[in-house]
């Protein structure tokens, strides 16, 4: 009778250990699937820095293009005025 009880206790202990292991594995998987963990795994480390740099580069390029066009139209206007002034 004692040997049957010992066998049952051993099986219960083994089952408890297996369940604890499975629970810990599920908790680890749950932690790995949180939105923050998934984002940190797939996003570059400095994604926000890259995004801000890209936006600032585009804004600077637009401003430079606008200044270039304004300067060009001013020179064309000056050229037409000078040509008109030289023609009698």
PDB file of N, CA and C in Angstrom:
ATOM      1  N   UNK A   1       0.813  -1.185   0.000  1.00  0.00           N
ATOM      2  CA  UNK A   1       0.000   0.000   0.000  1.00  0.00           C
ATOM      3  C   UNK A   1       0.864   1.259   0.000  1.00  0.00           C
ATOM      4  N   UNK A   2       1.960   1.209   0.747  1.00  0.00           N
ATOM      5  CA  UNK A   2       2.844   2.371   0.777  1.00  0.00           C
ATOM      6  C   UNK A   2       3.524   2.593  -0.567  1.00  0.00           C
ATOM      7  N   UNK A   3       3.801   1.499  -1.245  1.00  0.00           N
ATOM      8  CA  UNK A   3       4.461   1.640  -2.546  1.00  0.00           C
ATOM      9  C   UNK A   3       3.511   2.265  -3.566  1.00  0.00           C
ATOM     10  N   UNK A   4       2.219   1.941  -3.498  1.00  0.00           N
ATOM     11  CA  UNK A   4       1.250   2.561  -4.409  1.00  0.00           C
ATOM     12  C   UNK A   4       1.144   4.048  -4.118  1.00  0.00           C
ATOM     13  N   UNK A   5       1.119   4.440  -2.879  1.00  0.00           N
ATOM     14  CA  UNK A   5       1.058   5.854  -2.494  1.00  0.00           C
ATOM     15  C   UNK A   5       2.316   6.583  -2.968  1.00  0.00           C
ATOM     16  N   UNK A   6       3.457   5.921  -2.839  1.00  0.00           N
ATOM     17  CA  UNK A   6       4.712   6.535  -3.280  1.00  0.00           C
ATOM     18  C   UNK A   6       4.709   6.723  -4.794  1.00  0.00           C
ATOM     19  N   UNK A   7       4.172   5.750  -5.517  1.00  0.00           N
ATOM     20  CA  UNK A   7       4.087   5.855  -6.976  1.00  0.00           C
ATOM     21  C   UNK A   7       3.160   6.995  -7.360  1.00  0.00           C
ATOM     22  N   UNK A   8       2.027   7.086  -6.679  1.00  0.00           N
ATOM     23  CA  UNK A   8       1.063   8.159  -6.975  1.00  0.00           C
ATOM     24  C   UNK A   8       1.678   9.514  -6.660  1.00  0.00           C
ATOM     25  N   UNK A   9       2.363   9.638  -5.502  1.00  0.00           N
ATOM     26  CA  UNK A   9       3.016  10.909  -5.157  1.00  0.00           C
ATOM     27  C   UNK A   9       4.082  11.258  -6.186  1.00  0.00           C
ATOM     28  N   UNK A  10       4.834  10.277  -6.636  1.00  0.00           N
ATOM     29  CA  UNK A  10       5.867  10.509  -7.646  1.00  0.00           C
ATOM     30  C   UNK A  10       5.248  10.996  -8.953  1.00  0.00           C
ATOM     31  N   UNK A  11       4.163  10.370  -9.378  1.00  0.00           N
ATOM     32  CA  UNK A  11       3.480  10.792 -10.610  1.00  0.00           C
ATOM     33  C   UNK A  11       2.904  12.190 -10.456  1.00  0.00           C
ATOM     34  N   UNK A  12       2.345  12.483  -9.280  1.00  0.00           N
ATOM     35  CA  UNK A  12       1.801  13.826  -9.032  1.00  0.00           C
ATOM     36  C   UNK A  12       2.917  14.865  -9.071  1.00  0.00           C
ATOM     37  N   UNK A  13       4.031  14.536  -8.469  1.00  0.00           N
ATOM     38  CA  UNK A  13       5.160  15.452  -8.457  1.00  0.00           C
ATOM     39  C   UNK A  13       5.676  15.688  -9.878  1.00  0.00           C
ATOM     40  N   UNK A  14       5.776  14.626 -10.653  1.00  0.00           N
ATOM     41  CA  UNK A  14       6.241  14.744 -12.029  1.00  0.00           C
ATOM     42  C   UNK A  14       5.251  15.553 -12.862  1.00  0.00           C
ATOM     43  N   UNK A  15       3.968  15.280 -12.675  1.00  0.00           N
ATOM     44  CA  UNK A  15       2.935  16.025 -13.404  1.00  0.00           C
ATOM     45  C   UNK A  15       2.976  17.502 -13.029  1.00  0.00           C
ATOM     46  N   UNK A  16       3.150  17.791 -11.744  1.00  0.00           N
ATOM     47  CA  UNK A  16       3.226  19.178 -11.284  1.00  0.00           C
ATOM     48  C   UNK A  16       4.441  19.871 -11.912  1.00  0.00           C
ATOM     49  N   UNK A  17       5.562  19.188 -11.977  1.00  0.00           N
ATOM     50  CA  UNK A  17       6.768  19.761 -12.585  1.00  0.00           C
ATOM     51  C   UNK A  17       6.544  20.029 -14.075  1.00  0.00           C
ATOM     52  N   UNK A  18       5.906  19.101 -14.766  1.00  0.00           N
ATOM     53  CA  UNK A  18       5.627  19.295 -16.193  1.00  0.00           C
ATOM     54  C   UNK A  18       4.679  20.468 -16.411  1.00  0.00           C
ATOM     55  N   UNK A  19       3.652  20.575 -15.557  1.00  0.00           N
ATOM     56  CA  UNK A  19       2.706  21.683 -15.694  1.00  0.00           C
ATOM     57  C   UNK A  19       3.378  23.016 -15.384  1.00  0.00           C
ATOM     58  N   UNK A  20       4.225  23.050 -14.368  1.00  0.00           N
ATOM     59  CA  UNK A  20       4.953  24.287 -14.064  1.00  0.00           C
ATOM     60  C   UNK A  20       5.833  24.706 -15.233  1.00  0.00           C
ATOM     61  N   UNK A  21       6.476  23.723 -15.871  1.00  0.00           N
ATOM     62  CA  UNK A  21       7.319  24.020 -17.024  1.00  0.00           C
ATOM     63  C   UNK A  21       6.474  24.575 -18.174  1.00  0.00           C
ATOM     64  N   UNK A  22       5.328  23.936 -18.430  1.00  0.00           N
ATOM     65  CA  UNK A  22       4.457  24.404 -19.512  1.00  0.00           C
ATOM     66  C   UNK A  22       3.929  25.802 -19.226  1.00  0.00           C
ATOM     67  N   UNK A  23       3.580  26.062 -17.971  1.00  0.00           N
ATOM     68  CA  UNK A  23       3.084  27.395 -17.610  1.00  0.00           C
ATOM     69  C   UNK A  23       4.175  28.440 -17.817  1.00  0.00           C
ATOM     70  N   UNK A  24       5.394  28.116 -17.408  1.00  0.00           N
ATOM     71  CA  UNK A  24       6.484  29.079 -17.592  1.00  0.00           C
ATOM     72  C   UNK A  24       6.754  29.319 -19.078  1.00  0.00           C
ATOM     73  N   UNK A  25       6.656  28.273 -19.901  1.00  0.00           N
ATOM     74  CA  UNK A  25       6.837  28.442 -21.344  1.00  0.00           C
ATOM     75  C   UNK A  25       5.734  29.322 -21.936  1.00  0.00           C
ATOM     76  N   UNK A  26       4.499  29.115 -21.507  1.00  0.00           N
ATOM     77  CA  UNK A  26       3.386  29.941 -21.995  1.00  0.00           C
ATOM     78  C   UNK A  26       3.535  31.386 -21.547  1.00  0.00           C
ATOM     79  N   UNK A  27       3.996  31.607 -20.331  1.00  0.00           N
ATOM     80  CA  UNK A  27       4.211  32.975 -19.863  1.00  0.00           C
ATOM     81  C   UNK A  27       5.303  33.656 -20.670  1.00  0.00           C
ATOM     82  N   UNK A  28       6.360  32.913 -21.005  1.00  0.00           N
ATOM     83  CA  UNK A  28       7.436  33.482 -21.821  1.00  0.00           C
ATOM     84  C   UNK A  28       6.922  33.834 -23.215  1.00  0.00           C
ATOM     85  N   UNK A  29       6.106  32.937 -23.801  1.00  0.00           N
ATOM     86  CA  UNK A  29       5.538  33.220 -25.122  1.00  0.00           C
ATOM     87  C   UNK A  29       4.607  34.417 -25.070  1.00  0.00           C
ATOM     88  N   UNK A  30       3.810  34.506 -23.999  1.00  0.00           N
ATOM     89  CA  UNK A  30       2.901  35.647 -23.858  1.00  0.00           C
ATOM     90  C   UNK A  30       3.693  36.945 -23.757  1.00  0.00           C
ATOM     91  N   UNK A  31       4.807  36.910 -23.041  1.00  0.00           N
ATOM     92  CA  UNK A  31       5.639  38.106 -22.929  1.00  0.00           C
ATOM     93  C   UNK A  31       6.272  38.460 -24.276  1.00  0.00           C
ATOM     94  N   UNK A  32       6.665  37.445 -25.040  1.00  0.00           N
ATOM     95  CA  UNK A  32       7.272  37.691 -26.353  1.00  0.00           C
ATOM     96  C   UNK A  32       6.270  38.223 -27.364  1.00  0.00           C
ATOM     97  N   UNK A  33       4.980  38.040 -27.119  1.00  0.00           N
ATOM     98  CA  UNK A  33       3.963  38.481 -28.069  1.00  0.00           C
ATOM     99  C   UNK A  33       3.286  39.789 -27.665  1.00  0.00           C
ATOM    100  N   UNK A  34       3.786  40.468 -26.647  1.00  0.00           N
ATOM    101  CA  UNK A  34       3.213  41.770 -26.298  1.00  0.00           C
ATOM    102  C   UNK A  34       3.546  42.756 -27.421  1.00  0.00           C
ATOM    103  N   UNK A  35       2.713  43.755 -27.633  1.00  0.00           N
ATOM    104  CA  UNK A  35       2.964  44.705 -28.728  1.00  0.00           C
ATOM    105  C   UNK A  35       4.343  45.374 -28.641  1.00  0.00           C
ATOM    106  N   UNK A  36       4.769  45.700 -27.432  1.00  0.00           N
ATOM    107  CA  UNK A  36       6.068  46.353 -27.278  1.00  0.00           C
ATOM    108  C   UNK A  36       7.200  45.414 -27.696  1.00  0.00           C
ATOM    109  N   UNK A  37       7.110  44.145 -27.318  1.00  0.00           N
ATOM    110  CA  UNK A  37       8.154  43.182 -27.678  1.00  0.00           C
ATOM    111  C   UNK A  37       8.192  42.951 -29.185  1.00  0.00           C
ATOM    112  N   UNK A  38       7.027  42.836 -29.792  1.00  0.00           N
ATOM    113  CA  UNK A  38       6.973  42.618 -31.238  1.00  0.00           C
ATOM    114  C   UNK A  38       7.530  43.835 -31.975  1.00  0.00           C
ATOM    115  N   UNK A  39       7.153  45.031 -31.523  1.00  0.00           N
ATOM    116  CA  UNK A  39       7.640  46.250 -32.180  1.00  0.00           C
ATOM    117  C   UNK A  39       9.150  46.383 -32.020  1.00  0.00           C
ATOM    118  N   UNK A  40       9.658  46.099 -30.846  1.00  0.00           N
ATOM    119  CA  UNK A  40      11.106  46.225 -30.654  1.00  0.00           C
ATOM    120  C   UNK A  40      11.862  45.180 -31.452  1.00  0.00           C
ATOM    121  N   UNK A  41      11.245  44.065 -31.735  1.00  0.00           N
ATOM    122  CA  UNK A  41      11.902  43.014 -32.509  1.00  0.00           C
ATOM    123  C   UNK A  41      11.949  43.366 -33.995  1.00  0.00           C
ATOM    124  N   UNK A  42      10.911  44.011 -34.526  1.00  0.00           N
ATOM    125  CA  UNK A  42      10.839  44.258 -35.959  1.00  0.00           C
ATOM    126  C   UNK A  42      11.175  45.683 -36.380  1.00  0.00           C
ATOM    127  N   UNK A  43      11.135  46.630 -35.465  1.00  0.00           N
ATOM    128  CA  UNK A  43      11.434  48.016 -35.810  1.00  0.00           C
ATOM    129  C   UNK A  43      12.932  48.264 -35.687  1.00  0.00           C
ATOM    130  N   UNK A  44      13.479  49.104 -36.539  1.00  0.00           N
ATOM    131  CA  UNK A  44      14.886  49.468 -36.360  1.00  0.00           C
ATOM    132  C   UNK A  44      15.070  50.187 -35.026  1.00  0.00           C
ATOM    133  N   UNK A  45      16.295  50.208 -34.561  1.00  0.00           N
ATOM    134  CA  UNK A  45      16.550  50.761 -33.238  1.00  0.00           C
ATOM    135  C   UNK A  45      16.258  52.255 -33.173  1.00  0.00           C
ATOM    136  N   UNK A  46      16.572  52.969 -34.223  1.00  0.00           N
ATOM    137  CA  UNK A  46      16.398  54.420 -34.217  1.00  0.00           C
ATOM    138  C   UNK A  46      15.386  54.847 -35.285  1.00  0.00           C
ATOM    139  N   UNK A  47      14.260  54.182 -35.356  1.00  0.00           N
ATOM    140  CA  UNK A  47      13.271  54.460 -36.409  1.00  0.00           C
ATOM    141  C   UNK A  47      12.742  55.883 -36.317  1.00  0.00           C
ATOM    142  N   UNK A  48      12.484  56.355 -35.109  1.00  0.00           N
ATOM    143  CA  UNK A  48      11.960  57.715 -34.952  1.00  0.00           C
ATOM    144  C   UNK A  48      12.994  58.733 -35.415  1.00  0.00           C
ATOM    145  N   UNK A  49      14.256  58.510 -35.106  1.00  0.00           N
ATOM    146  CA  UNK A  49      15.311  59.421 -35.560  1.00  0.00           C
ATOM    147  C   UNK A  49      15.378  59.464 -37.079  1.00  0.00           C
ATOM    148  N   UNK A  50      15.267  58.297 -37.705  1.00  0.00           N
ATOM    149  CA  UNK A  50      15.294  58.245 -39.161  1.00  0.00           C
ATOM    150  C   UNK A  50      14.088  58.967 -39.758  1.00  0.00           C
ATOM    151  N   UNK A  51      12.920  58.794 -39.163  1.00  0.00           N
ATOM    152  CA  UNK A  51      11.711  59.439 -39.673  1.00  0.00           C
ATOM    153  C   UNK A  51      11.825  60.964 -39.564  1.00  0.00           C
ATOM    154  N   UNK A  52      12.281  61.452 -38.418  1.00  0.00           N
ATOM    155  CA  UNK A  52      12.435  62.904 -38.233  1.00  0.00           C
ATOM    156  C   UNK A  52      13.476  63.448 -39.208  1.00  0.00           C
ATOM    157  N   UNK A  53      14.588  62.737 -39.367  1.00  0.00           N
ATOM    158  CA  UNK A  53      15.618  63.173 -40.311  1.00  0.00           C
ATOM    159  C   UNK A  53      15.097  63.227 -41.734  1.00  0.00           C
ATOM    160  N   UNK A  54      14.292  62.252 -42.116  1.00  0.00           N
ATOM    161  CA  UNK A  54      13.718  62.248 -43.463  1.00  0.00           C
ATOM    162  C   UNK A  54      12.780  63.418 -43.688  1.00  0.00           C
ATOM    163  N   UNK A  55      11.944  63.700 -42.699  1.00  0.00           N
ATOM    164  CA  UNK A  55      11.010  64.830 -42.821  1.00  0.00           C
ATOM    165  C   UNK A  55      11.776  66.143 -42.919  1.00  0.00           C
ATOM    166  N   UNK A  56      12.783  66.318 -42.066  1.00  0.00           N
ATOM    167  CA  UNK A  56      13.569  67.552 -42.115  1.00  0.00           C
ATOM    168  C   UNK A  56      14.314  67.699 -43.436  1.00  0.00           C
ATOM    169  N   UNK A  57      14.803  66.596 -43.990  1.00  0.00           N
ATOM    170  CA  UNK A  57      15.476  66.648 -45.284  1.00  0.00           C
ATOM    171  C   UNK A  57      14.509  67.079 -46.379  1.00  0.00           C
ATOM    172  N   UNK A  58      13.294  66.525 -46.364  1.00  0.00           N
ATOM    173  CA  UNK A  58      12.303  66.910 -47.378  1.00  0.00           C
ATOM    174  C   UNK A  58      11.909  68.376 -47.250  1.00  0.00           C
ATOM    175  N   UNK A  59      11.727  68.847 -46.017  1.00  0.00           N
ATOM    176  CA  UNK A  59      11.369  70.255 -45.811  1.00  0.00           C
ATOM    177  C   UNK A  59      12.498  71.157 -46.297  1.00  0.00           C
ATOM    178  N   UNK A  60      13.742  70.810 -45.972  1.00  0.00           N
ATOM    179  CA  UNK A  60      14.882  71.609 -46.425  1.00  0.00           C
ATOM    180  C   UNK A  60      15.007  71.618 -47.942  1.00  0.00           C
ATOM    181  N   UNK A  61      14.793  70.477 -48.572  1.00  0.00           N
ATOM    182  CA  UNK A  61      14.863  70.418 -50.033  1.00  0.00           C
ATOM    183  C   UNK A  61      13.768  71.268 -50.668  1.00  0.00           C
ATOM    184  N   UNK A  62      12.572  71.259 -50.087  1.00  0.00           N
ATOM    185  CA  UNK A  62      11.475  72.079 -50.618  1.00  0.00           C
ATOM    186  C   UNK A  62      11.798  73.568 -50.480  1.00  0.00           C
ATOM    187  N   UNK A  63      12.359  73.940 -49.342  1.00  0.00           N
ATOM    188  CA  UNK A  63      12.730  75.346 -49.145  1.00  0.00           C
ATOM    189  C   UNK A  63      13.826  75.771 -50.127  1.00  0.00           C
ATOM    190  N   UNK A  64      14.826  74.915 -50.332  1.00  0.00           N
ATOM    191  CA  UNK A  64      15.910  75.234 -51.263  1.00  0.00           C
ATOM    192  C   UNK A  64      15.379  75.341 -52.683  1.00  0.00           C
ATOM    193  N   UNK A  65      14.472  74.440 -53.065  1.00  0.00           N
ATOM    194  CA  UNK A  65      13.901  74.491 -54.410  1.00  0.00           C
ATOM    195  C   UNK A  65      13.098  75.778 -54.609  1.00  0.00           C
ATOM    196  N   UNK A  66      12.356  76.179 -53.590  1.00  0.00           N
ATOM    197  CA  UNK A  66      11.598  77.431 -53.673  1.00  0.00           C
ATOM    198  C   UNK A  66      12.513  78.637 -53.829  1.00  0.00           C
ATOM    199  N   UNK A  67      13.626  78.679 -53.090  1.00  0.00           N
ATOM    200  CA  UNK A  67      14.578  79.785 -53.215  1.00  0.00           C
ATOM    201  C   UNK A  67      15.227  79.778 -54.604  1.00  0.00           C
ATOM    202  N   UNK A  68      15.538  78.598 -55.112  1.00  0.00           N
ATOM    203  CA  UNK A  68      16.144  78.492 -56.433  1.00  0.00           C
ATOM    204  C   UNK A  68      15.193  79.020 -57.500  1.00  0.00           C
ATOM    205  N   UNK A  69      13.930  78.638 -57.402  1.00  0.00           N
ATOM    206  CA  UNK A  69      12.951  79.102 -58.394  1.00  0.00           C
ATOM    207  C   UNK A  69      12.739  80.604 -58.289  1.00  0.00           C
ATOM    208  N   UNK A  70      12.700  81.141 -57.056  1.00  0.00           N
ATOM    209  CA  UNK A  70      12.507  82.580 -56.877  1.00  0.00           C
ATOM    210  C   UNK A  70      13.696  83.349 -57.450  1.00  0.00           C
ATOM    211  N   UNK A  71      14.896  82.861 -57.209  1.00  0.00           N
ATOM    212  CA  UNK A  71      16.091  83.520 -57.735  1.00  0.00           C
ATOM    213  C   UNK A  71      16.101  83.469 -59.260  1.00  0.00           C
ATOM    214  N   UNK A  72      15.716  82.343 -59.810  1.00  0.00           N
ATOM    215  CA  UNK A  72      15.704  82.186 -61.257  1.00  0.00           C
ATOM    216  C   UNK A  72      14.674  83.107 -61.906  1.00  0.00           C
ATOM    217  N   UNK A  73      13.489  83.200 -61.302  1.00  0.00           N
ATOM    218  CA  UNK A  73      12.465  84.064 -61.891  1.00  0.00           C
ATOM    219  C   UNK A  73      12.864  85.537 -61.751  1.00  0.00           C
ATOM    220  N   UNK A  74      13.561  85.886 -60.647  1.00  0.00           N
ATOM    221  CA  UNK A  74      14.043  87.257 -60.474  1.00  0.00           C
ATOM    222  C   UNK A  74      15.082  87.588 -61.543  1.00  0.00           C
ATOM    223  N   UNK A  75      16.007  86.644 -61.822  1.00  0.00           N
ATOM    224  CA  UNK A  75      17.026  86.923 -62.833  1.00  0.00           C
ATOM    225  C   UNK A  75      16.403  87.047 -64.222  1.00  0.00           C
ATOM    226  N   UNK A  76      15.405  86.213 -64.504  1.00  0.00           N
ATOM    227  CA  UNK A  76      14.740  86.326 -65.800  1.00  0.00           C
ATOM    228  C   UNK A  76      14.006  87.658 -65.914  1.00  0.00           C
ATOM    229  N   UNK A  77      13.382  88.096 -64.845  1.00  0.00           N
ATOM    230  CA  UNK A  77      12.685  89.383 -64.859  1.00  0.00           C
ATOM    231  C   UNK A  77      13.691  90.519 -65.060  1.00  0.00           C
ATOM    232  N   UNK A  78      14.828  90.466 -64.364  1.00  0.00           N
ATOM    233  CA  UNK A  78      15.852  91.492 -64.516  1.00  0.00           C
ATOM    234  C   UNK A  78      16.397  91.499 -65.931  1.00  0.00           C
ATOM    235  N   UNK A  79      16.584  90.326 -66.512  1.00  0.00           N
ATOM    236  CA  UNK A  79      17.091  90.231 -67.881  1.00  0.00           C
ATOM    237  C   UNK A  79      16.106  90.875 -68.859  1.00  0.00           C
ATOM    238  N   UNK A  80      14.818  90.609 -68.686  1.00  0.00           N
ATOM    239  CA  UNK A  80      13.828  91.214 -69.595  1.00  0.00           C
ATOM    240  C   UNK A  80      13.773  92.727 -69.417  1.00  0.00           C
ATOM    241  N   UNK A  81      13.929  93.202 -68.188  1.00  0.00           N
ATOM    242  CA  UNK A  81      13.922  94.653 -67.941  1.00  0.00           C
ATOM    243  C   UNK A  81      15.135  95.289 -68.599  1.00  0.00           C
ATOM    244  N   UNK A  82      16.311  94.676 -68.466  1.00  0.00           N
ATOM    245  CA  UNK A  82      17.515  95.226 -69.073  1.00  0.00           C
ATOM    246  C   UNK A  82      17.441  95.222 -70.587  1.00  0.00           C
ATOM    247  N   UNK A  83      16.900  94.136 -71.153  1.00  0.00           N
ATOM    248  CA  UNK A  83      16.761  94.080 -72.601  1.00  0.00           C
ATOM    249  C   UNK A  83      15.766  95.159 -73.054  1.00  0.00           C
ATOM    250  N   UNK A  84      14.690  95.352 -72.333  1.00  0.00           N
ATOM    251  CA  UNK A  84      13.702  96.370 -72.704  1.00  0.00           C
ATOM    252  C   UNK A  84      14.282  97.773 -72.561  1.00  0.00           C
ATOM    253  N   UNK A  85      15.135  97.981 -71.585  1.00  0.00           N
ATOM    254  CA  UNK A  85      15.730  99.300 -71.373  1.00  0.00           C
ATOM    255  C   UNK A  85      16.761  99.611 -72.444  1.00  0.00           C
ATOM    256  N   UNK A  86      17.455  98.626 -72.962  1.00  0.00           N
ATOM    257  CA  UNK A  86      18.469  98.852 -73.980  1.00  0.00           C
ATOM    258  C   UNK A  86      17.881  99.024 -75.368  1.00  0.00           C
ATOM    259  N   UNK A  87      16.687  98.520 -75.586  1.00  0.00           N
ATOM    260  CA  UNK A  87      16.065  98.653 -76.902  1.00  0.00           C
ATOM    261  C   UNK A  87      15.379 100.003 -77.004  1.00  0.00           C
ATOM    262  N   UNK A  88      15.673 100.740 -78.072  1.00  0.00           N
ATOM    263  CA  UNK A  88      15.027 102.049 -78.227  1.00  0.00           C
ATOM    264  C   UNK A  88      13.608 102.007 -78.689  1.00  0.00           C
TER     265      UNK A  88
END
